[in-house]
Amino acid sequence: MSQQESNFDYLQEYCPHCDGETPHSVTLEIRTEAGSSDNVGHSRTPYRVTECQQCGHTSSRRMNNV
């Protein structure tokens, strides 16, 4: 059985600064959005963060609004 190498380090996504498909690193971050300290425990929201590996442009998208 042959073994194929795969590279899951980067995803090809559109970069508006490069104006084309480029490799991006993709991470998930949990961010706190509450303005007051009373709701901090209930205000964590997941974000998908991408970074272009050619120009360094980063963007984030709130995941519970997808």
C-alpha atoms as a PDB file:
ATOM      1  CA  MET A   1       0.000   0.000   0.000  1.00  0.00           C
ATOM      2  CA  SER A   2       1.441   3.384  -0.935  1.00  0.00           C
ATOM      3  CA  GLN A   3       1.441   6.207   1.528  1.00  0.00           C
ATOM      4  CA  GLN A   4       0.443   9.682   0.379  1.00  0.00           C
ATOM      5  CA  GLU A   5       1.729  12.739   2.146  1.00  0.00           C
ATOM      6  CA  SER A   6      -0.796  15.405   2.939  1.00  0.00           C
ATOM      7  CA  ASN A   7      -0.246  18.915   4.217  1.00  0.00           C
ATOM      8  CA  PHE A   8      -2.934  20.182   6.569  1.00  0.00           C
ATOM      9  CA  ASP A   9      -0.827  23.040   7.909  1.00  0.00           C
ATOM     10  CA  TYR A  10      -2.474  25.581   5.593  1.00  0.00           C
ATOM     11  CA  LEU A  11      -5.757  25.987   3.720  1.00  0.00           C
ATOM     12  CA  GLN A  12      -6.118  27.696   0.354  1.00  0.00           C
ATOM     13  CA  GLU A  13      -8.429  30.677   0.837  1.00  0.00           C
ATOM     14  CA  TYR A  14      -9.078  33.980  -0.885  1.00  0.00           C
ATOM     15  CA  CYS A  15      -6.988  36.914   0.379  1.00  0.00           C
ATOM     16  CA  PRO A  16      -8.355  40.390  -0.485  1.00  0.00           C
ATOM     17  CA  HIS A  17      -4.888  41.957  -0.123  1.00  0.00           C
ATOM     18  CA  CYS A  18      -3.189  39.443  -2.447  1.00  0.00           C
ATOM     19  CA  ASP A  19      -6.317  39.313  -4.676  1.00  0.00           C
ATOM     20  CA  GLY A  20      -6.164  35.551  -5.051  1.00  0.00           C
ATOM     21  CA  GLU A  21      -6.102  32.132  -3.440  1.00  0.00           C
ATOM     22  CA  THR A  22      -3.167  31.858  -1.017  1.00  0.00           C
ATOM     23  CA  PRO A  23      -2.195  29.521   1.834  1.00  0.00           C
ATOM     24  CA  HIS A  24      -3.741  30.547   5.155  1.00  0.00           C
ATOM     25  CA  SER A  25      -3.259  29.300   8.688  1.00  0.00           C
ATOM     26  CA  VAL A  26      -6.603  28.854  10.432  1.00  0.00           C
ATOM     27  CA  THR A  27      -7.156  28.853  14.186  1.00  0.00           C
ATOM     28  CA  LEU A  28     -10.119  29.051  16.551  1.00  0.00           C
ATOM     29  CA  GLU A  29     -10.119  31.531  19.418  1.00  0.00           C
ATOM     30  CA  ILE A  30     -12.501  31.939  22.328  1.00  0.00           C
ATOM     31  CA  ARG A  31     -13.015  35.658  22.945  1.00  0.00           C
ATOM     32  CA  THR A  32     -14.764  37.478  25.780  1.00  0.00           C
ATOM     33  CA  GLU A  33     -17.189  40.131  24.559  1.00  0.00           C
ATOM     34  CA  ALA A  34     -18.921  41.370  27.731  1.00  0.00           C
ATOM     35  CA  GLY A  35     -18.527  44.987  28.673  1.00  0.00           C
ATOM     36  CA  SER A  36     -19.265  44.474  32.364  1.00  0.00           C
ATOM     37  CA  SER A  37     -17.530  42.053  34.694  1.00  0.00           C
ATOM     38  CA  ASP A  38     -20.903  40.576  35.774  1.00  0.00           C
ATOM     39  CA  ASN A  39     -21.384  38.721  32.474  1.00  0.00           C
ATOM     40  CA  VAL A  40     -17.790  37.697  31.711  1.00  0.00           C
ATOM     41  CA  GLY A  41     -18.468  34.020  32.439  1.00  0.00           C
ATOM     42  CA  HIS A  42     -21.308  33.932  29.898  1.00  0.00           C
ATOM     43  CA  SER A  43     -19.854  36.035  27.104  1.00  0.00           C
ATOM     44  CA  ARG A  44     -17.247  33.753  25.525  1.00  0.00           C
ATOM     45  CA  THR A  45     -17.695  33.410  21.769  1.00  0.00           C
ATOM     46  CA  PRO A  46     -15.762  31.283  19.247  1.00  0.00           C
ATOM     47  CA  TYR A  47     -14.009  33.069  16.373  1.00  0.00           C
ATOM     48  CA  ARG A  48     -12.372  31.599  13.263  1.00  0.00           C
ATOM     49  CA  VAL A  49      -9.106  33.477  12.658  1.00  0.00           C
ATOM     50  CA  THR A  50      -7.232  33.227   9.347  1.00  0.00           C
ATOM     51  CA  GLU A  51      -3.773  34.553   8.486  1.00  0.00           C
ATOM     52  CA  CYS A  52      -2.445  34.800   4.935  1.00  0.00           C
ATOM     53  CA  GLN A  53       0.971  33.180   4.726  1.00  0.00           C
ATOM     54  CA  GLN A  54       2.054  35.489   1.874  1.00  0.00           C
ATOM     55  CA  CYS A  55       1.159  38.972   3.124  1.00  0.00           C
ATOM     56  CA  GLY A  56       0.305  38.407   6.805  1.00  0.00           C
ATOM     57  CA  HIS A  57      -3.244  39.824   6.583  1.00  0.00           C
ATOM     58  CA  THR A  58      -5.476  38.433   9.339  1.00  0.00           C
ATOM     59  CA  SER A  59      -9.241  38.306   9.544  1.00  0.00           C
ATOM     60  CA  SER A  60     -11.668  36.893  12.076  1.00  0.00           C
ATOM     61  CA  ARG A  61     -15.258  35.752  11.889  1.00  0.00           C
ATOM     62  CA  ARG A  62     -17.665  35.146  14.736  1.00  0.00           C
ATOM     63  CA  MET A  63     -18.688  31.502  14.493  1.00  0.00           C
ATOM     64  CA  ASN A  64     -22.070  31.544  16.199  1.00  0.00           C
ATOM     65  CA  ASN A  65     -23.322  33.948  13.488  1.00  0.00           C
ATOM     66  CA  VAL A  66     -22.434  31.638  10.597  1.00  0.00           C
END
